[in-house]
Structures are given as C-alpha cells and as structure tokens.
Amino acid sequence: MNRFIDFLVLLLLGFLIGFNVSFTFIIAPLLFSHFDHRTAGEITNVIFPYYFASGWIIGILIYTLIGIKSIKDKQLIKNYKGFVIGLLLLVITHMALHKTVLPVARNINLQYYVLLDEGKKEEALKLKEKFKKIHGVSSFINLFNLGLEIYLFQYYLLRERRLKKQSD
C-alpha cells in the first residue's frame, strides 16, 4: 500500500510540474504568438482557472495520501516536515492565483476592452498598466510554484529512498 501511495504522490507532483511547464512555457506563448491579444486572452481565461485549481486540488489529494500513509507510520509527519510545509504553501499559492489574482486580472482586462471599444483609449491604458502589474505578480507566483513543485518532488523522492535504506 505504501509503495502505491508513494507512486501516486510522485505521479501527482510530476503531473503538476508538467502542467506548469506546458502552460507557462508552451501553451500561453503559443496562444499569444498565433492569435491577437484579445483572442489569446479569452482562450487563457478559459484554460487558466482549471490550471490554477488543479494545483490546490492536487495538493489536497496529496495531503490526503500522506494522511492515509501516516495512519500506520506515526513518525511520518515528523520525517516529512519540510514536505508538508512546502505542500501547504503550494496549496495556498495556487488558491491565491485561482481565487484572488485571476478574478482581479480578468475584471481589469474586461474593463480594459470595454473602454477600448468605447474609444476611451487613455483610461484603457491606465487599466492596461494595472493589468501588467497583476500579471507580473501572477507570473512570479506561478514560477515560485514551479520551483516549489520541483522541490517537493525531489524532497519526497529522496526522502523515500533515504528512509527505505535506513529500514533495510
């Protein structure tokens, strides 16, 4: 059972890393290089809520798997302290992106295009600057999450190997 749980934890973390890399470095750049900004933004507005939600949902699934595994091993949380704290941080930052940063960015972007359509270019440009700042925060958190996901993957993998060697 423990091997299956370990496999699932690593699989889920690997999925998160792959999802993050593909959206950040492949899908979003391709969309913005092949479509006008408005269309690409509308497409990412459809995709990114699922992407950001996947991070905190998968984080909670991993917490559940760790909880199941800790039923038999009472020292597990003590042995995985850095992992549990990192996972908590990952869940919080993905929730922040999904429930706070994304809705604010969407709202500003929507207002920007409404003002552009109304011919209020100067007011629209002010909103564009706000959007750039929020996008910068979002990008920073997203890259931080990628680093955190890689850290969690290697932490869990190496910790499992080390604990397995000690028990042999």
Protein backbone atom coordinates (compact mmCIF):
# COMPACT_ATOMS: atom_id res chain seq x y z
CA MET A 1 0.00 0.00 0.00
CA ASN A 2 2.82 2.40 0.89
CA ARG A 3 4.51 1.90 -2.47
CA PHE A 4 1.26 2.65 -4.25
CA ILE A 5 0.78 5.84 -2.22
CA ASP A 6 4.40 6.88 -2.87
CA PHE A 7 3.88 6.26 -6.58
CA LEU A 8 0.66 8.33 -6.57
CA VAL A 9 2.29 11.23 -4.69
CA LEU A 10 5.19 11.34 -7.17
CA LEU A 11 2.81 10.94 -10.12
CA LEU A 12 0.63 13.82 -8.95
CA LEU A 13 3.65 16.05 -8.33
CA GLY A 14 5.03 15.12 -11.75
CA PHE A 15 1.68 15.99 -13.29
CA LEU A 16 1.74 19.39 -11.59
CA ILE A 17 5.26 20.09 -12.84
CA GLY A 18 4.33 19.05 -16.38
CA PHE A 19 1.13 21.09 -16.28
CA ASN A 20 3.01 24.15 -15.04
CA VAL A 21 5.79 23.86 -17.61
CA SER A 22 3.43 23.22 -20.51
CA PHE A 23 1.10 26.12 -19.69
CA THR A 24 3.81 28.58 -18.75
CA PHE A 25 6.37 27.89 -21.44
CA ILE A 26 4.42 26.27 -24.30
CA ILE A 27 0.66 26.89 -24.39
CA ALA A 28 0.47 30.55 -23.29
CA PRO A 29 3.37 31.70 -25.52
CA LEU A 30 1.92 29.79 -28.49
CA LEU A 31 -1.50 31.34 -27.99
CA PHE A 32 -0.13 34.87 -27.80
CA SER A 33 2.15 34.35 -30.80
CA HIS A 34 -0.60 32.93 -33.05
CA PHE A 35 -3.64 34.98 -32.04
CA ASP A 36 -4.27 38.65 -31.33
CA HIS A 37 -4.00 39.56 -27.62
CA ARG A 38 -7.74 39.74 -27.08
CA THR A 39 -8.44 36.28 -28.51
CA ALA A 40 -5.44 34.71 -26.79
CA GLY A 41 -6.55 36.32 -23.51
CA GLU A 42 -10.06 34.93 -23.92
CA ILE A 43 -8.66 31.44 -24.52
CA THR A 44 -6.37 31.64 -21.49
CA ASN A 45 -9.33 32.90 -19.43
CA VAL A 46 -11.00 29.59 -20.21
CA ILE A 47 -7.93 27.42 -19.50
CA PHE A 48 -6.19 29.09 -16.56
CA PRO A 49 -8.94 28.64 -13.94
CA TYR A 50 -8.60 24.87 -14.42
CA TYR A 51 -4.84 25.10 -14.35
CA PHE A 52 -4.75 27.11 -11.11
CA ALA A 53 -7.48 24.98 -9.49
CA SER A 54 -5.60 21.80 -10.34
CA GLY A 55 -2.70 22.92 -8.15
CA TRP A 56 -4.64 23.27 -4.94
CA ILE A 57 -6.92 20.29 -5.62
CA ILE A 58 -3.94 18.01 -6.30
CA GLY A 59 -2.21 19.45 -3.23
CA ILE A 60 -5.17 18.46 -1.08
CA LEU A 61 -5.18 14.98 -2.68
CA ILE A 62 -1.51 14.61 -1.78
CA TYR A 63 -2.26 15.72 1.81
CA THR A 64 -4.94 13.04 1.93
CA LEU A 65 -2.49 10.39 0.69
CA ILE A 66 0.06 11.48 3.29
CA GLY A 67 -2.68 11.29 5.94
CA ILE A 68 -3.56 7.75 4.86
CA LYS A 69 0.08 6.75 4.93
CA SER A 70 0.57 8.32 8.38
CA ILE A 71 -2.10 6.07 9.92
CA LYS A 72 0.46 3.24 10.01
CA ASP A 73 3.58 5.36 10.43
CA LYS A 74 3.18 7.80 13.32
CA GLN A 75 6.62 9.35 12.62
CA LEU A 76 5.76 10.19 9.01
CA ILE A 77 4.80 13.82 9.55
CA LYS A 78 7.94 14.36 11.62
CA ASN A 79 10.06 12.81 8.84
CA TYR A 80 8.30 14.86 6.14
CA LYS A 81 8.07 18.21 7.92
CA GLY A 82 9.65 20.18 5.05
CA PHE A 83 7.43 18.42 2.55
CA VAL A 84 4.21 19.11 4.47
CA ILE A 85 5.08 22.79 4.94
CA GLY A 86 6.03 23.13 1.26
CA LEU A 87 2.81 21.42 0.20
CA LEU A 88 0.77 23.76 2.39
CA LEU A 89 2.49 26.73 0.76
CA LEU A 90 1.77 25.27 -2.69
CA VAL A 91 -1.93 24.83 -1.92
CA ILE A 92 -2.19 28.39 -0.58
CA THR A 93 -0.39 29.97 -3.54
CA HIS A 94 -2.46 28.03 -6.09
CA MET A 95 -5.63 29.07 -4.24
CA ALA A 96 -4.43 32.67 -4.26
CA LEU A 97 -3.88 32.53 -8.01
CA HIS A 98 -7.21 30.83 -8.63
CA LYS A 99 -9.48 32.69 -6.22
CA THR A 100 -7.85 36.13 -5.97
CA VAL A 101 -5.30 37.09 -8.62
CA LEU A 102 -7.11 35.56 -11.61
CA PRO A 103 -10.52 37.17 -10.92
CA VAL A 104 -8.91 40.59 -10.36
CA ALA A 105 -6.89 40.27 -13.58
CA ARG A 106 -9.94 39.12 -15.54
CA ASN A 107 -12.02 42.03 -14.26
CA ILE A 108 -9.36 44.61 -15.14
CA ASN A 109 -8.87 43.04 -18.57
CA LEU A 110 -12.61 43.07 -19.23
CA GLN A 111 -12.84 46.73 -18.22
CA TYR A 112 -9.85 47.49 -20.44
CA TYR A 113 -11.56 46.07 -23.54
CA VAL A 114 -14.86 47.79 -22.71
CA LEU A 115 -13.06 51.14 -22.52
CA LEU A 116 -11.21 50.41 -25.77
CA ASP A 117 -14.49 49.55 -27.50
CA GLU A 118 -15.96 52.82 -26.22
CA GLY A 119 -12.98 54.73 -27.63
CA LYS A 120 -11.61 55.74 -24.22
CA LYS A 121 -8.00 54.91 -25.02
CA GLU A 122 -6.32 56.91 -22.22
CA GLU A 123 -8.44 55.34 -19.49
CA ALA A 124 -7.91 51.93 -21.06
CA LEU A 125 -4.13 52.39 -20.98
CA LYS A 126 -4.28 53.05 -17.23
CA LEU A 127 -6.07 49.75 -16.76
CA LYS A 128 -3.52 48.04 -19.01
CA GLU A 129 -0.77 49.20 -16.64
CA LYS A 130 -2.69 47.77 -13.66
CA PHE A 131 -3.12 44.52 -15.54
CA LYS A 132 0.62 44.34 -16.25
CA LYS A 133 1.38 44.66 -12.53
CA ILE A 134 -1.11 41.94 -11.62
CA HIS A 135 0.20 39.75 -14.43
CA GLY A 136 3.71 40.26 -13.04
CA VAL A 137 2.57 39.12 -9.59
CA SER A 138 0.79 36.15 -11.15
CA SER A 139 3.86 35.20 -13.18
CA PHE A 140 6.11 35.44 -10.14
CA ILE A 141 3.79 33.23 -8.05
CA ASN A 142 3.49 30.78 -10.93
CA LEU A 143 7.28 30.47 -11.28
CA PHE A 144 7.58 30.20 -7.50
CA ASN A 145 5.06 27.34 -7.66
CA LEU A 146 7.09 25.59 -10.33
CA GLY A 147 10.19 25.76 -8.14
CA LEU A 148 8.16 24.56 -5.17
CA GLU A 149 6.73 21.65 -7.16
CA ILE A 150 10.22 20.57 -8.24
CA TYR A 151 11.42 20.90 -4.63
CA LEU A 152 8.50 18.78 -3.36
CA PHE A 153 9.09 16.10 -6.00
CA GLN A 154 12.80 15.76 -5.23
CA TYR A 155 12.22 16.02 -1.46
CA TYR A 156 9.69 13.19 -1.49
CA LEU A 157 11.70 11.03 -3.86
CA LEU A 158 14.97 11.44 -1.97
CA ARG A 159 13.34 11.15 1.47
CA GLU A 160 11.65 7.90 0.46
CA ARG A 161 14.94 6.48 -0.78
CA ARG A 162 16.76 7.55 2.37
CA LEU A 163 14.09 6.12 4.68
CA LYS A 164 13.99 2.89 2.69
CA LYS A 165 17.79 2.49 3.01
CA GLN A 166 17.57 3.06 6.78
CA SER A 167 14.91 0.37 7.19
CA ASP A 168 16.87 -2.22 5.14
